[in-house]
């Protein structure tokens, strides 16, 4: 999709997050100016309804593996 939209994979990921809900605000971190420019470019990338449906279908097939936090941190949050 990134290639088709003439964007980077990171820009598509950020644009997808921005398209979810108006209160979803991704805060990507970077130390490099070129990555900051890339990240800012994602706000200009308008994904179509078809793009969003394609991304939703693709992400639905991803099997999440492993814990969110290491065991010691899990204990710190009462899990």
PDB file of N, CA and C in Angstrom:
ATOM      1  N   UNK A   1       0.821  -1.184   0.000  1.00  0.00           N
ATOM      2  CA  UNK A   1       0.000   0.000   0.000  1.00  0.00           C
ATOM      3  C   UNK A   1       0.867   1.249   0.000  1.00  0.00           C
ATOM      4  N   UNK A   2       1.939   1.221   0.760  1.00  0.00           N
ATOM      5  CA  UNK A   2       2.826   2.384   0.807  1.00  0.00           C
ATOM      6  C   UNK A   2       3.335   2.722  -0.587  1.00  0.00           C
ATOM      7  N   UNK A   3       3.733   1.712  -1.314  1.00  0.00           N
ATOM      8  CA  UNK A   3       4.232   1.928  -2.670  1.00  0.00           C
ATOM      9  C   UNK A   3       3.142   2.501  -3.569  1.00  0.00           C
ATOM     10  N   UNK A   4       1.957   1.946  -3.455  1.00  0.00           N
ATOM     11  CA  UNK A   4       0.828   2.401  -4.264  1.00  0.00           C
ATOM     12  C   UNK A   4       0.452   3.853  -3.947  1.00  0.00           C
ATOM     13  N   UNK A   5       0.563   4.235  -2.683  1.00  0.00           N
ATOM     14  CA  UNK A   5       0.213   5.590  -2.250  1.00  0.00           C
ATOM     15  C   UNK A   5       1.398   6.554  -2.327  1.00  0.00           C
ATOM     16  N   UNK A   6       2.553   6.052  -2.792  1.00  0.00           N
ATOM     17  CA  UNK A   6       3.786   6.856  -2.888  1.00  0.00           C
ATOM     18  C   UNK A   6       4.149   7.468  -1.526  1.00  0.00           C
ATOM     19  N   UNK A   7       4.166   6.599  -0.535  1.00  0.00           N
ATOM     20  CA  UNK A   7       4.466   6.991   0.842  1.00  0.00           C
ATOM     21  C   UNK A   7       5.360   5.923   1.453  1.00  0.00           C
ATOM     22  N   UNK A   8       5.845   6.196   2.640  1.00  0.00           N
ATOM     23  CA  UNK A   8       6.614   5.181   3.357  1.00  0.00           C
ATOM     24  C   UNK A   8       5.658   4.322   4.188  1.00  0.00           C
ATOM     25  N   UNK A   9       6.148   3.173   4.609  1.00  0.00           N
ATOM     26  CA  UNK A   9       5.347   2.297   5.464  1.00  0.00           C
ATOM     27  C   UNK A   9       4.981   3.030   6.755  1.00  0.00           C
ATOM     28  N   UNK A  10       5.940   3.774   7.306  1.00  0.00           N
ATOM     29  CA  UNK A  10       5.678   4.542   8.522  1.00  0.00           C
ATOM     30  C   UNK A  10       4.586   5.582   8.331  1.00  0.00           C
ATOM     31  N   UNK A  11       4.583   6.235   7.189  1.00  0.00           N
ATOM     32  CA  UNK A  11       3.549   7.233   6.913  1.00  0.00           C
ATOM     33  C   UNK A  11       2.172   6.591   6.814  1.00  0.00           C
ATOM     34  N   UNK A  12       2.104   5.428   6.183  1.00  0.00           N
ATOM     35  CA  UNK A  12       0.820   4.727   6.092  1.00  0.00           C
ATOM     36  C   UNK A  12       0.351   4.320   7.489  1.00  0.00           C
ATOM     37  N   UNK A  13       1.257   3.822   8.303  1.00  0.00           N
ATOM     38  CA  UNK A  13       0.889   3.418   9.665  1.00  0.00           C
ATOM     39  C   UNK A  13       0.358   4.603  10.470  1.00  0.00           C
ATOM     40  N   UNK A  14       1.045   5.722  10.389  1.00  0.00           N
ATOM     41  CA  UNK A  14       0.593   6.908  11.120  1.00  0.00           C
ATOM     42  C   UNK A  14      -0.724   7.440  10.552  1.00  0.00           C
ATOM     43  N   UNK A  15      -0.866   7.445   9.239  1.00  0.00           N
ATOM     44  CA  UNK A  15      -2.112   7.908   8.618  1.00  0.00           C
ATOM     45  C   UNK A  15      -3.276   7.004   9.020  1.00  0.00           C
ATOM     46  N   UNK A  16      -3.024   5.688   9.117  1.00  0.00           N
ATOM     47  CA  UNK A  16      -4.066   4.758   9.552  1.00  0.00           C
ATOM     48  C   UNK A  16      -4.494   5.071  10.988  1.00  0.00           C
ATOM     49  N   UNK A  17      -3.521   5.331  11.854  1.00  0.00           N
ATOM     50  CA  UNK A  17      -3.860   5.696  13.234  1.00  0.00           C
ATOM     51  C   UNK A  17      -4.668   6.984  13.277  1.00  0.00           C
ATOM     52  N   UNK A  18      -4.257   7.975  12.511  1.00  0.00           N
ATOM     53  CA  UNK A  18      -4.975   9.252  12.484  1.00  0.00           C
ATOM     54  C   UNK A  18      -6.408   9.089  11.978  1.00  0.00           C
ATOM     55  N   UNK A  19      -6.648   8.095  11.143  1.00  0.00           N
ATOM     56  CA  UNK A  19      -7.980   7.888  10.575  1.00  0.00           C
ATOM     57  C   UNK A  19      -8.916   7.112  11.504  1.00  0.00           C
ATOM     58  N   UNK A  20      -8.419   6.587  12.615  1.00  0.00           N
ATOM     59  CA  UNK A  20      -9.236   5.733  13.469  1.00  0.00           C
ATOM     60  C   UNK A  20     -10.338   6.506  14.189  1.00  0.00           C
ATOM     61  N   UNK A  21      -9.978   7.377  15.048  1.00  0.00           N
ATOM     62  CA  UNK A  21     -10.907   8.196  15.838  1.00  0.00           C
ATOM     63  C   UNK A  21     -10.272   9.559  15.999  1.00  0.00           C
ATOM     64  N   UNK A  22     -11.079  10.589  16.160  1.00  0.00           N
ATOM     65  CA  UNK A  22     -10.498  11.927  16.251  1.00  0.00           C
ATOM     66  C   UNK A  22      -9.698  12.129  17.526  1.00  0.00           C
ATOM     67  N   UNK A  23      -9.898  11.293  18.542  1.00  0.00           N
ATOM     68  CA  UNK A  23      -9.130  11.443  19.775  1.00  0.00           C
ATOM     69  C   UNK A  23      -7.865  10.569  19.794  1.00  0.00           C
ATOM     70  N   UNK A  24      -7.646   9.799  18.740  1.00  0.00           N
ATOM     71  CA  UNK A  24      -6.416   9.014  18.630  1.00  0.00           C
ATOM     72  C   UNK A  24      -5.328   9.918  18.065  1.00  0.00           C
ATOM     73  N   UNK A  25      -4.293  10.122  18.856  1.00  0.00           N
ATOM     74  CA  UNK A  25      -3.201  11.002  18.441  1.00  0.00           C
ATOM     75  C   UNK A  25      -1.888  10.245  18.622  1.00  0.00           C
ATOM     76  N   UNK A  26      -1.323   9.730  17.540  1.00  0.00           N
ATOM     77  CA  UNK A  26      -0.044   9.029  17.669  1.00  0.00           C
ATOM     78  C   UNK A  26       1.059  10.024  18.015  1.00  0.00           C
ATOM     79  N   UNK A  27       1.976   9.583  18.838  1.00  0.00           N
ATOM     80  CA  UNK A  27       3.110  10.425  19.223  1.00  0.00           C
ATOM     81  C   UNK A  27       4.386   9.649  18.910  1.00  0.00           C
ATOM     82  N   UNK A  28       4.796   9.682  17.651  1.00  0.00           N
ATOM     83  CA  UNK A  28       6.011   8.945  17.300  1.00  0.00           C
ATOM     84  C   UNK A  28       7.248   9.684  17.792  1.00  0.00           C
ATOM     85  N   UNK A  29       8.200   8.936  18.236  1.00  0.00           N
ATOM     86  CA  UNK A  29       9.450   9.540  18.680  1.00  0.00           C
ATOM     87  C   UNK A  29      10.515   9.403  17.604  1.00  0.00           C
ATOM     88  N   UNK A  30      11.417  10.335  17.566  1.00  0.00           N
ATOM     89  CA  UNK A  30      12.520  10.256  16.625  1.00  0.00           C
ATOM     90  C   UNK A  30      13.661  11.136  17.096  1.00  0.00           C
ATOM     91  N   UNK A  31      14.828  10.821  16.631  1.00  0.00           N
ATOM     92  CA  UNK A  31      16.010  11.648  16.905  1.00  0.00           C
ATOM     93  C   UNK A  31      16.551  12.260  15.633  1.00  0.00           C
ATOM     94  N   UNK A  32      15.937  11.917  14.508  1.00  0.00           N
ATOM     95  CA  UNK A  32      16.477  12.337  13.222  1.00  0.00           C
ATOM     96  C   UNK A  32      15.489  13.261  12.510  1.00  0.00           C
ATOM     97  N   UNK A  33      15.994  14.362  12.004  1.00  0.00           N
ATOM     98  CA  UNK A  33      15.166  15.351  11.343  1.00  0.00           C
ATOM     99  C   UNK A  33      14.430  14.772  10.135  1.00  0.00           C
ATOM    100  N   UNK A  34      15.102  13.898   9.381  1.00  0.00           N
ATOM    101  CA  UNK A  34      14.428  13.329   8.210  1.00  0.00           C
ATOM    102  C   UNK A  34      13.243  12.448   8.612  1.00  0.00           C
ATOM    103  N   UNK A  35      13.323  11.801   9.763  1.00  0.00           N
ATOM    104  CA  UNK A  35      12.187  11.003  10.246  1.00  0.00           C
ATOM    105  C   UNK A  35      11.056  11.916  10.710  1.00  0.00           C
ATOM    106  N   UNK A  36      11.399  13.045  11.300  1.00  0.00           N
ATOM    107  CA  UNK A  36      10.377  14.006  11.695  1.00  0.00           C
ATOM    108  C   UNK A  36       9.620  14.490  10.460  1.00  0.00           C
ATOM    109  N   UNK A  37      10.342  14.833   9.402  1.00  0.00           N
ATOM    110  CA  UNK A  37       9.712  15.251   8.151  1.00  0.00           C
ATOM    111  C   UNK A  37       8.823  14.146   7.594  1.00  0.00           C
ATOM    112  N   UNK A  38       9.317  12.915   7.655  1.00  0.00           N
ATOM    113  CA  UNK A  38       8.536  11.772   7.190  1.00  0.00           C
ATOM    114  C   UNK A  38       7.247  11.634   8.003  1.00  0.00           C
ATOM    115  N   UNK A  39       7.373  11.710   9.324  1.00  0.00           N
ATOM    116  CA  UNK A  39       6.210  11.586  10.201  1.00  0.00           C
ATOM    117  C   UNK A  39       5.194  12.687   9.930  1.00  0.00           C
ATOM    118  N   UNK A  40       5.665  13.903   9.749  1.00  0.00           N
ATOM    119  CA  UNK A  40       4.751  15.015   9.464  1.00  0.00           C
ATOM    120  C   UNK A  40       4.020  14.801   8.143  1.00  0.00           C
ATOM    121  N   UNK A  41       4.688  14.179   7.191  1.00  0.00           N
ATOM    122  CA  UNK A  41       4.069  13.890   5.901  1.00  0.00           C
ATOM    123  C   UNK A  41       2.874  12.964   6.012  1.00  0.00           C
ATOM    124  N   UNK A  42       2.813  12.171   7.055  1.00  0.00           N
ATOM    125  CA  UNK A  42       1.688  11.246   7.209  1.00  0.00           C
ATOM    126  C   UNK A  42       0.379  11.991   7.434  1.00  0.00           C
ATOM    127  N   UNK A  43       0.435  13.196   7.963  1.00  0.00           N
ATOM    128  CA  UNK A  43      -0.786  13.972   8.174  1.00  0.00           C
ATOM    129  C   UNK A  43      -1.403  14.419   6.851  1.00  0.00           C
ATOM    130  N   UNK A  44      -0.606  14.468   5.795  1.00  0.00           N
ATOM    131  CA  UNK A  44      -1.101  14.857   4.474  1.00  0.00           C
ATOM    132  C   UNK A  44      -1.601  13.665   3.663  1.00  0.00           C
ATOM    133  N   UNK A  45      -1.322  12.469   4.134  1.00  0.00           N
ATOM    134  CA  UNK A  45      -1.701  11.253   3.424  1.00  0.00           C
ATOM    135  C   UNK A  45      -3.148  10.907   3.767  1.00  0.00           C
ATOM    136  N   UNK A  46      -4.025  11.088   2.818  1.00  0.00           N
ATOM    137  CA  UNK A  46      -5.439  10.791   3.029  1.00  0.00           C
ATOM    138  C   UNK A  46      -5.737   9.392   2.492  1.00  0.00           C
ATOM    139  N   UNK A  47      -6.041   8.495   3.395  1.00  0.00           N
ATOM    140  CA  UNK A  47      -6.367   7.125   3.001  1.00  0.00           C
ATOM    141  C   UNK A  47      -7.839   7.041   2.623  1.00  0.00           C
ATOM    142  N   UNK A  48      -8.114   6.322   1.567  1.00  0.00           N
ATOM    143  CA  UNK A  48      -9.496   6.137   1.124  1.00  0.00           C
ATOM    144  C   UNK A  48     -10.183   5.100   2.011  1.00  0.00           C
ATOM    145  N   UNK A  49     -11.498   5.017   1.889  1.00  0.00           N
ATOM    146  CA  UNK A  49     -12.250   3.988   2.615  1.00  0.00           C
ATOM    147  C   UNK A  49     -11.758   2.606   2.216  1.00  0.00           C
ATOM    148  N   UNK A  50     -11.413   2.441   0.942  1.00  0.00           N
ATOM    149  CA  UNK A  50     -10.886   1.150   0.475  1.00  0.00           C
ATOM    150  C   UNK A  50      -9.524   0.858   1.099  1.00  0.00           C
ATOM    151  N   UNK A  51      -8.665   1.872   1.187  1.00  0.00           N
ATOM    152  CA  UNK A  51      -7.362   1.706   1.842  1.00  0.00           C
ATOM    153  C   UNK A  51      -7.549   1.260   3.287  1.00  0.00           C
ATOM    154  N   UNK A  52      -8.446   1.934   3.994  1.00  0.00           N
ATOM    155  CA  UNK A  52      -8.686   1.601   5.405  1.00  0.00           C
ATOM    156  C   UNK A  52      -9.235   0.188   5.549  1.00  0.00           C
ATOM    157  N   UNK A  53     -10.125  -0.205   4.654  1.00  0.00           N
ATOM    158  CA  UNK A  53     -10.675  -1.566   4.698  1.00  0.00           C
ATOM    159  C   UNK A  53      -9.582  -2.587   4.426  1.00  0.00           C
ATOM    160  N   UNK A  54      -8.702  -2.300   3.472  1.00  0.00           N
ATOM    161  CA  UNK A  54      -7.582  -3.204   3.180  1.00  0.00           C
ATOM    162  C   UNK A  54      -6.679  -3.357   4.398  1.00  0.00           C
ATOM    163  N   UNK A  55      -6.366  -2.240   5.041  1.00  0.00           N
ATOM    164  CA  UNK A  55      -5.498  -2.277   6.227  1.00  0.00           C
ATOM    165  C   UNK A  55      -6.180  -3.000   7.385  1.00  0.00           C
ATOM    166  N   UNK A  56      -7.481  -2.784   7.548  1.00  0.00           N
ATOM    167  CA  UNK A  56      -8.218  -3.483   8.611  1.00  0.00           C
ATOM    168  C   UNK A  56      -8.214  -4.993   8.366  1.00  0.00           C
ATOM    169  N   UNK A  57      -8.420  -5.405   7.120  1.00  0.00           N
ATOM    170  CA  UNK A  57      -8.401  -6.842   6.796  1.00  0.00           C
ATOM    171  C   UNK A  57      -7.018  -7.433   7.053  1.00  0.00           C
ATOM    172  N   UNK A  58      -5.991  -6.704   6.660  1.00  0.00           N
ATOM    173  CA  UNK A  58      -4.626  -7.201   6.847  1.00  0.00           C
ATOM    174  C   UNK A  58      -4.288  -7.308   8.332  1.00  0.00           C
ATOM    175  N   UNK A  59      -4.679  -6.323   9.113  1.00  0.00           N
ATOM    176  CA  UNK A  59      -4.338  -6.347  10.537  1.00  0.00           C
ATOM    177  C   UNK A  59      -5.159  -7.380  11.307  1.00  0.00           C
ATOM    178  N   UNK A  60      -6.347  -7.710  10.813  1.00  0.00           N
ATOM    179  CA  UNK A  60      -7.176  -8.720  11.476  1.00  0.00           C
ATOM    180  C   UNK A  60      -6.521 -10.095  11.413  1.00  0.00           C
ATOM    181  N   UNK A  61      -5.667 -10.312  10.423  1.00  0.00           N
ATOM    182  CA  UNK A  61      -5.004 -11.601  10.276  1.00  0.00           C
ATOM    183  C   UNK A  61      -3.718 -11.737  11.066  1.00  0.00           C
ATOM    184  N   UNK A  62      -3.331 -10.701  11.786  1.00  0.00           N
ATOM    185  CA  UNK A  62      -2.088 -10.738  12.563  1.00  0.00           C
ATOM    186  C   UNK A  62      -2.368 -11.369  13.924  1.00  0.00           C
ATOM    187  N   UNK A  63      -1.629 -12.411  14.232  1.00  0.00           N
ATOM    188  CA  UNK A  63      -1.791 -13.065  15.523  1.00  0.00           C
ATOM    189  C   UNK A  63      -0.848 -12.407  16.524  1.00  0.00           C
ATOM    190  N   UNK A  64      -1.418 -11.844  17.594  1.00  0.00           N
ATOM    191  CA  UNK A  64      -0.624 -11.201  18.636  1.00  0.00           C
ATOM    192  C   UNK A  64       0.023 -12.287  19.483  1.00  0.00           C
ATOM    193  N   UNK A  65       1.318 -12.151  19.725  1.00  0.00           N
ATOM    194  CA  UNK A  65       2.043 -13.144  20.505  1.00  0.00           C
ATOM    195  C   UNK A  65       2.789 -12.458  21.630  1.00  0.00           C
ATOM    196  N   UNK A  66       2.887 -13.138  22.734  1.00  0.00           N
ATOM    197  CA  UNK A  66       3.669 -12.643  23.854  1.00  0.00           C
ATOM    198  C   UNK A  66       2.892 -11.674  24.722  1.00  0.00           C
ATOM    199  N   UNK A  67       3.467 -11.401  25.872  1.00  0.00           N
ATOM    200  CA  UNK A  67       2.864 -10.474  26.821  1.00  0.00           C
ATOM    201  C   UNK A  67       3.183  -9.045  26.432  1.00  0.00           C
ATOM    202  N   UNK A  68       2.369  -8.142  26.917  1.00  0.00           N
ATOM    203  CA  UNK A  68       2.595  -6.725  26.646  1.00  0.00           C
ATOM    204  C   UNK A  68       3.818  -6.226  27.401  1.00  0.00           C
ATOM    205  N   UNK A  69       3.967  -6.699  28.627  1.00  0.00           N
ATOM    206  CA  UNK A  69       5.076  -6.272  29.476  1.00  0.00           C
ATOM    207  C   UNK A  69       5.864  -7.501  29.952  1.00  0.00           C
ATOM    208  N   UNK A  70       7.129  -7.315  30.299  1.00  0.00           N
ATOM    209  CA  UNK A  70       7.874  -8.404  30.931  1.00  0.00           C
ATOM    210  C   UNK A  70       7.218  -8.768  32.267  1.00  0.00           C
ATOM    211  N   UNK A  71       7.481  -9.959  32.744  1.00  0.00           N
ATOM    212  CA  UNK A  71       6.831 -10.480  33.958  1.00  0.00           C
ATOM    213  C   UNK A  71       6.943  -9.530  35.153  1.00  0.00           C
ATOM    214  N   UNK A  72       8.108  -8.952  35.383  1.00  0.00           N
ATOM    215  CA  UNK A  72       8.284  -8.042  36.533  1.00  0.00           C
ATOM    216  C   UNK A  72       7.378  -6.814  36.430  1.00  0.00           C
ATOM    217  N   UNK A  73       7.224  -6.302  35.230  1.00  0.00           N
ATOM    218  CA  UNK A  73       6.350  -5.139  35.060  1.00  0.00           C
ATOM    219  C   UNK A  73       4.881  -5.532  35.177  1.00  0.00           C
ATOM    220  N   UNK A  74       4.527  -6.723  34.740  1.00  0.00           N
ATOM    221  CA  UNK A  74       3.166  -7.216  34.877  1.00  0.00           C
ATOM    222  C   UNK A  74       2.751  -7.217  36.336  1.00  0.00           C
ATOM    223  N   UNK A  75       3.657  -7.656  37.218  1.00  0.00           N
ATOM    224  CA  UNK A  75       3.365  -7.688  38.655  1.00  0.00           C
ATOM    225  C   UNK A  75       3.147  -6.289  39.204  1.00  0.00           C
ATOM    226  N   UNK A  76       3.791  -5.295  38.632  1.00  0.00           N
ATOM    227  CA  UNK A  76       3.660  -3.917  39.102  1.00  0.00           C
ATOM    228  C   UNK A  76       2.285  -3.326  38.774  1.00  0.00           C
ATOM    229  N   UNK A  77       1.598  -3.915  37.805  1.00  0.00           N
ATOM    230  CA  UNK A  77       0.291  -3.366  37.423  1.00  0.00           C
ATOM    231  C   UNK A  77      -0.853  -4.302  37.840  1.00  0.00           C
ATOM    232  N   UNK A  78      -0.627  -5.117  38.848  1.00  0.00           N
ATOM    233  CA  UNK A  78      -1.659  -5.993  39.416  1.00  0.00           C
ATOM    234  C   UNK A  78      -2.252  -6.969  38.406  1.00  0.00           C
ATOM    235  N   UNK A  79      -1.424  -7.618  37.635  1.00  0.00           N
ATOM    236  CA  UNK A  79      -1.941  -8.624  36.706  1.00  0.00           C
ATOM    237  C   UNK A  79      -1.422  -9.973  37.067  1.00  0.00           C
TER     238      UNK A  79
END
